[in-house]
PDB file of all heavy atoms in Angstrom:
ATOM      1  N   GLY A   1     -34.026   3.363  46.393  1.00  0.00           N
ATOM      2  CA  GLY A   1     -32.643   2.677  46.696  1.00  0.00           C
ATOM      3  C   GLY A   1     -32.752   1.295  47.155  1.00  0.00           C
ATOM      4  O   GLY A   1     -31.790   0.580  47.421  1.00  0.00           O
ATOM      5  N   HIS A   2     -33.955   0.841  47.414  1.00  0.00           N
ATOM      6  CA  HIS A   2     -34.207  -0.621  47.843  1.00  0.00           C
ATOM      7  C   HIS A   2     -35.542  -1.056  47.354  1.00  0.00           C
ATOM      8  O   HIS A   2     -36.271  -0.250  46.859  1.00  0.00           O
ATOM      9  CB  HIS A   2     -34.017  -0.753  49.317  1.00  0.00           C
ATOM     10  CG  HIS A   2     -34.892   0.086  50.152  1.00  0.00           C
ATOM     11  ND1 HIS A   2     -36.290  -0.193  50.296  1.00  0.00           N
ATOM     12  CD2 HIS A   2     -34.708   1.311  50.738  1.00  0.00           C
ATOM     13  CE1 HIS A   2     -36.789   0.770  51.063  1.00  0.00           C
ATOM     14  NE2 HIS A   2     -35.884   1.750  51.277  1.00  0.00           N
ATOM     15  N   ASP A   3     -35.889  -2.266  47.536  1.00  0.00           N
ATOM     16  CA  ASP A   3     -37.234  -2.738  47.058  1.00  0.00           C
ATOM     17  C   ASP A   3     -38.107  -3.240  48.226  1.00  0.00           C
ATOM     18  O   ASP A   3     -38.876  -4.083  47.978  1.00  0.00           O
ATOM     19  CB  ASP A   3     -37.056  -3.778  45.953  1.00  0.00           C
ATOM     20  CG  ASP A   3     -36.697  -5.119  46.453  1.00  0.00           C
ATOM     21  OD1 ASP A   3     -36.254  -5.254  47.578  1.00  0.00           O
ATOM     22  OD2 ASP A   3     -36.718  -6.073  45.628  1.00  0.00           O
ATOM     23  N   SER A   4     -37.920  -2.696  49.380  1.00  0.00           N
ATOM     24  CA  SER A   4     -38.811  -2.998  50.469  1.00  0.00           C
ATOM     25  C   SER A   4     -40.275  -2.486  50.316  1.00  0.00           C
ATOM     26  O   SER A   4     -41.080  -3.032  51.002  1.00  0.00           O
ATOM     27  CB  SER A   4     -38.187  -2.585  51.766  1.00  0.00           C
ATOM     28  OG  SER A   4     -38.283  -1.238  51.899  1.00  0.00           O
ATOM     29  N   GLY A   5     -40.391  -1.382  49.664  1.00  0.00           N
ATOM     30  CA  GLY A   5     -41.691  -0.880  49.471  1.00  0.00           C
ATOM     31  C   GLY A   5     -42.054   0.041  50.615  1.00  0.00           C
ATOM     32  O   GLY A   5     -43.127   0.679  50.637  1.00  0.00           O
ATOM     33  N   ALA A   6     -41.228   0.207  51.643  1.00  0.00           N
ATOM     34  CA  ALA A   6     -41.618   1.071  52.798  1.00  0.00           C
ATOM     35  C   ALA A   6     -40.407   2.092  52.934  1.00  0.00           C
ATOM     36  O   ALA A   6     -39.240   1.690  52.862  1.00  0.00           O
ATOM     37  CB  ALA A   6     -41.666   0.205  54.021  1.00  0.00           C
ATOM     38  N   GLU A   7     -40.777   3.302  53.167  1.00  0.00           N
ATOM     39  CA  GLU A   7     -39.781   4.321  53.469  1.00  0.00           C
ATOM     40  C   GLU A   7     -39.838   4.573  54.972  1.00  0.00           C
ATOM     41  O   GLU A   7     -40.810   4.197  55.696  1.00  0.00           O
ATOM     42  CB  GLU A   7     -40.227   5.572  52.789  1.00  0.00           C
ATOM     43  CG  GLU A   7     -40.187   5.490  51.241  1.00  0.00           C
ATOM     44  CD  GLU A   7     -38.850   5.135  50.591  1.00  0.00           C
ATOM     45  OE1 GLU A   7     -37.855   5.515  51.192  1.00  0.00           O
ATOM     46  OE2 GLU A   7     -38.806   4.530  49.643  1.00  0.00           O
ATOM     47  N   ASP A   8     -38.791   5.099  55.514  1.00  0.00           N
ATOM     48  CA  ASP A   8     -38.712   5.323  56.976  1.00  0.00           C
ATOM     49  C   ASP A   8     -39.430   6.674  57.343  1.00  0.00           C
ATOM     50  O   ASP A   8     -38.946   7.671  57.516  1.00  0.00           O
ATOM     51  CB  ASP A   8     -37.210   5.531  57.412  1.00  0.00           C
ATOM     52  CG  ASP A   8     -36.470   4.184  57.094  1.00  0.00           C
ATOM     53  OD1 ASP A   8     -37.087   3.105  57.239  1.00  0.00           O
ATOM     54  OD2 ASP A   8     -35.250   4.218  56.837  1.00  0.00           O
ATOM     55  N   THR A   9     -40.759   6.512  57.483  1.00  0.00           N
ATOM     56  CA  THR A   9     -41.632   7.570  57.859  1.00  0.00           C
ATOM     57  C   THR A   9     -42.549   7.081  58.884  1.00  0.00           C
ATOM     58  O   THR A   9     -42.780   5.858  59.065  1.00  0.00           O
ATOM     59  CB  THR A   9     -42.416   8.197  56.710  1.00  0.00           C
ATOM     60  OG1 THR A   9     -43.231   7.172  56.163  1.00  0.00           O
ATOM     61  CG2 THR A   9     -41.422   8.752  55.584  1.00  0.00           C
ATOM     62  N   THR A  10     -43.194   8.025  59.592  1.00  0.00           N
ATOM     63  CA  THR A  10     -44.213   7.576  60.593  1.00  0.00           C
ATOM     64  C   THR A  10     -45.565   7.318  60.020  1.00  0.00           C
ATOM     65  O   THR A  10     -46.362   6.665  60.583  1.00  0.00           O
ATOM     66  CB  THR A  10     -44.277   8.656  61.723  1.00  0.00           C
ATOM     67  OG1 THR A  10     -44.593   9.900  61.137  1.00  0.00           O
ATOM     68  CG2 THR A  10     -42.923   8.778  62.466  1.00  0.00           C
ATOM     69  N   VAL A  11     -45.792   7.876  58.819  1.00  0.00           N
ATOM     70  CA  VAL A  11     -47.143   7.734  58.190  1.00  0.00           C
ATOM     71  C   VAL A  11     -46.968   6.510  57.192  1.00  0.00           C
ATOM     72  O   VAL A  11     -46.099   6.520  56.326  1.00  0.00           O
ATOM     73  CB  VAL A  11     -47.538   9.038  57.405  1.00  0.00           C
ATOM     74  CG1 VAL A  11     -48.813   8.801  56.619  1.00  0.00           C
ATOM     75  CG2 VAL A  11     -47.642  10.152  58.336  1.00  0.00           C
ATOM     76  N   GLU A  12     -47.831   5.547  57.378  1.00  0.00           N
ATOM     77  CA  GLU A  12     -47.768   4.384  56.632  1.00  0.00           C
ATOM     78  C   GLU A  12     -48.844   4.459  55.536  1.00  0.00           C
ATOM     79  O   GLU A  12     -49.990   4.489  55.739  1.00  0.00           O
ATOM     80  CB  GLU A  12     -47.987   3.072  57.402  1.00  0.00           C
ATOM     81  CG  GLU A  12     -47.677   1.798  56.631  1.00  0.00           C
ATOM     82  CD  GLU A  12     -47.697   0.600  57.550  1.00  0.00           C
ATOM     83  OE1 GLU A  12     -47.165   0.670  58.622  1.00  0.00           O
ATOM     84  OE2 GLU A  12     -48.393  -0.375  57.129  1.00  0.00           O
ATOM     85  N   ALA A  13     -48.347   4.574  54.284  1.00  0.00           N
ATOM     86  CA  ALA A  13     -49.320   4.660  53.141  1.00  0.00           C
ATOM     87  C   ALA A  13     -49.700   3.270  52.611  1.00  0.00           C
ATOM     88  O   ALA A  13     -48.845   2.320  52.731  1.00  0.00           O
ATOM     89  CB  ALA A  13     -48.666   5.387  51.985  1.00  0.00           C
ATOM     90  N   PRO A  14     -50.874   3.053  52.158  1.00  0.00           N
ATOM     91  CA  PRO A  14     -51.285   1.690  51.671  1.00  0.00           C
ATOM     92  C   PRO A  14     -50.523   1.390  50.352  1.00  0.00           C
ATOM     93  O   PRO A  14     -50.100   2.305  49.674  1.00  0.00           O
ATOM     94  CB  PRO A  14     -52.747   1.849  51.375  1.00  0.00           C
ATOM     95  CG  PRO A  14     -53.029   3.282  51.300  1.00  0.00           C
ATOM     96  CD  PRO A  14     -51.944   3.974  52.019  1.00  0.00           C
ATOM     97  N   PRO A  15     -50.222   0.149  50.072  1.00  0.00           N
ATOM     98  CA  PRO A  15     -49.495  -0.222  48.920  1.00  0.00           C
ATOM     99  C   PRO A  15     -50.202   0.057  47.649  1.00  0.00           C
ATOM    100  O   PRO A  15     -51.499   0.067  47.627  1.00  0.00           O
ATOM    101  CB  PRO A  15     -49.258  -1.781  49.101  1.00  0.00           C
ATOM    102  CG  PRO A  15     -50.400  -2.212  49.940  1.00  0.00           C
ATOM    103  CD  PRO A  15     -50.699  -1.012  50.871  1.00  0.00           C
ATOM    104  N   PRO A  16     -49.519   0.281  46.549  1.00  0.00           N
ATOM    105  CA  PRO A  16     -50.216   0.560  45.210  1.00  0.00           C
ATOM    106  C   PRO A  16     -50.864  -0.638  44.626  1.00  0.00           C
ATOM    107  O   PRO A  16     -51.609  -0.578  43.632  1.00  0.00           O
ATOM    108  CB  PRO A  16     -49.163   1.133  44.358  1.00  0.00           C
ATOM    109  CG  PRO A  16     -47.843   0.593  44.946  1.00  0.00           C
ATOM    110  CD  PRO A  16     -48.076   0.463  46.408  1.00  0.00           C
ATOM    111  N   TYR A  17     -50.561  -1.869  45.085  1.00  0.00           N
ATOM    112  CA  TYR A  17     -51.018  -3.180  44.605  1.00  0.00           C
ATOM    113  C   TYR A  17     -51.609  -4.033  45.663  1.00  0.00           C
ATOM    114  O   TYR A  17     -51.088  -3.962  46.810  1.00  0.00           O
ATOM    115  CB  TYR A  17     -50.023  -3.953  43.856  1.00  0.00           C
ATOM    116  CG  TYR A  17     -48.978  -3.302  43.096  1.00  0.00           C
ATOM    117  CD1 TYR A  17     -47.706  -3.121  43.553  1.00  0.00           C
ATOM    118  CD2 TYR A  17     -49.237  -2.820  41.933  1.00  0.00           C
ATOM    119  CE1 TYR A  17     -46.744  -2.426  42.950  1.00  0.00           C
ATOM    120  CE2 TYR A  17     -48.242  -2.104  41.114  1.00  0.00           C
ATOM    121  CZ  TYR A  17     -47.035  -1.976  41.671  1.00  0.00           C
ATOM    122  OH  TYR A  17     -46.050  -1.324  41.041  1.00  0.00           O
ATOM    123  N   ALA A  18     -52.517  -4.900  45.467  1.00  0.00           N
ATOM    124  CA  ALA A  18     -52.942  -5.895  46.314  1.00  0.00           C
ATOM    125  C   ALA A  18     -53.249  -7.207  45.489  1.00  0.00           C
ATOM    126  O   ALA A  18     -54.162  -7.164  44.694  1.00  0.00           O
ATOM    127  CB  ALA A  18     -54.147  -5.494  47.106  1.00  0.00           C
ATOM    128  N   PHE A  19     -52.461  -8.177  45.708  1.00  0.00           N
ATOM    129  CA  PHE A  19     -52.672  -9.421  44.904  1.00  0.00           C
ATOM    130  C   PHE A  19     -52.641 -10.668  45.817  1.00  0.00           C
ATOM    131  O   PHE A  19     -52.019 -10.741  46.893  1.00  0.00           O
ATOM    132  CB  PHE A  19     -51.402  -9.668  44.029  1.00  0.00           C
ATOM    133  CG  PHE A  19     -51.296  -8.800  42.828  1.00  0.00           C
ATOM    134  CD1 PHE A  19     -50.604  -7.634  42.816  1.00  0.00           C
ATOM    135  CD2 PHE A  19     -52.022  -9.105  41.672  1.00  0.00           C
ATOM    136  CE1 PHE A  19     -50.445  -6.857  41.724  1.00  0.00           C
ATOM    137  CE2 PHE A  19     -51.985  -8.300  40.602  1.00  0.00           C
ATOM    138  CZ  PHE A  19     -51.122  -7.085  40.594  1.00  0.00           C
ATOM    139  N   LEU A  20     -53.651 -11.543  45.460  1.00  0.00           N
ATOM    140  CA  LEU A  20     -53.729 -12.857  46.153  1.00  0.00           C
ATOM    141  C   LEU A  20     -52.924 -13.852  45.300  1.00  0.00           C
ATOM    142  O   LEU A  20     -53.050 -13.927  44.056  1.00  0.00           O
ATOM    143  CB  LEU A  20     -55.237 -13.248  46.144  1.00  0.00           C
ATOM    144  CG  LEU A  20     -55.542 -14.464  46.965  1.00  0.00           C
ATOM    145  CD1 LEU A  20     -55.329 -14.166  48.535  1.00  0.00           C
ATOM    146  CD2 LEU A  20     -57.096 -14.770  46.790  1.00  0.00           C
ATOM    147  N   THR A  21     -52.019 -14.574  45.874  1.00  0.00           N
ATOM    148  CA  THR A  21     -51.136 -15.521  45.118  1.00  0.00           C
ATOM    149  C   THR A  21     -51.741 -16.952  45.163  1.00  0.00           C
ATOM    150  O   THR A  21     -52.112 -17.458  46.257  1.00  0.00           O
ATOM    151  CB  THR A  21     -49.723 -15.517  45.876  1.00  0.00           C
ATOM    152  OG1 THR A  21     -49.223 -14.190  45.937  1.00  0.00           O
ATOM    153  CG2 THR A  21     -48.787 -16.486  45.040  1.00  0.00           C
ATOM    154  N   ILE A  22     -51.868 -17.471  44.024  1.00  0.00           N
ATOM    155  CA  ILE A  22     -52.434 -18.756  43.766  1.00  0.00           C
ATOM    156  C   ILE A  22     -51.604 -19.626  42.954  1.00  0.00           C
ATOM    157  O   ILE A  22     -50.927 -19.139  41.997  1.00  0.00           O
ATOM    158  CB  ILE A  22     -53.803 -18.543  42.973  1.00  0.00           C
ATOM    159  CG1 ILE A  22     -54.776 -17.645  43.772  1.00  0.00           C
ATOM    160  CG2 ILE A  22     -54.480 -19.948  42.748  1.00  0.00           C
ATOM    161  CD1 ILE A  22     -55.859 -17.100  42.932  1.00  0.00           C
ATOM    162  N   GLY A  23     -51.474 -20.891  43.299  1.00  0.00           N
ATOM    163  CA  GLY A  23     -50.548 -21.794  42.593  1.00  0.00           C
ATOM    164  C   GLY A  23     -50.892 -23.222  42.841  1.00  0.00           C
ATOM    165  O   GLY A  23     -51.120 -23.577  44.047  1.00  0.00           O
ATOM    166  N   MET A  24     -50.986 -23.975  41.888  1.00  0.00           N
ATOM    167  CA  MET A  24     -51.109 -25.402  41.987  1.00  0.00           C
ATOM    168  C   MET A  24     -52.212 -25.928  42.947  1.00  0.00           C
ATOM    169  O   MET A  24     -52.108 -26.757  43.802  1.00  0.00           O
ATOM    170  CB  MET A  24     -49.807 -26.118  42.433  1.00  0.00           C
ATOM    171  CG  MET A  24     -48.692 -25.918  41.380  1.00  0.00           C
ATOM    172  SD  MET A  24     -47.092 -26.232  41.939  1.00  0.00           S
ATOM    173  CE  MET A  24     -46.932 -24.898  43.175  1.00  0.00           C
TER     174      MET A  24
END
């Protein structure tokens, strides 16, 4: 229902992606 990537739980799961942002 939102795009925060976090649900309201006490257990924090690691994200499904990890990206380094590079530009210019």
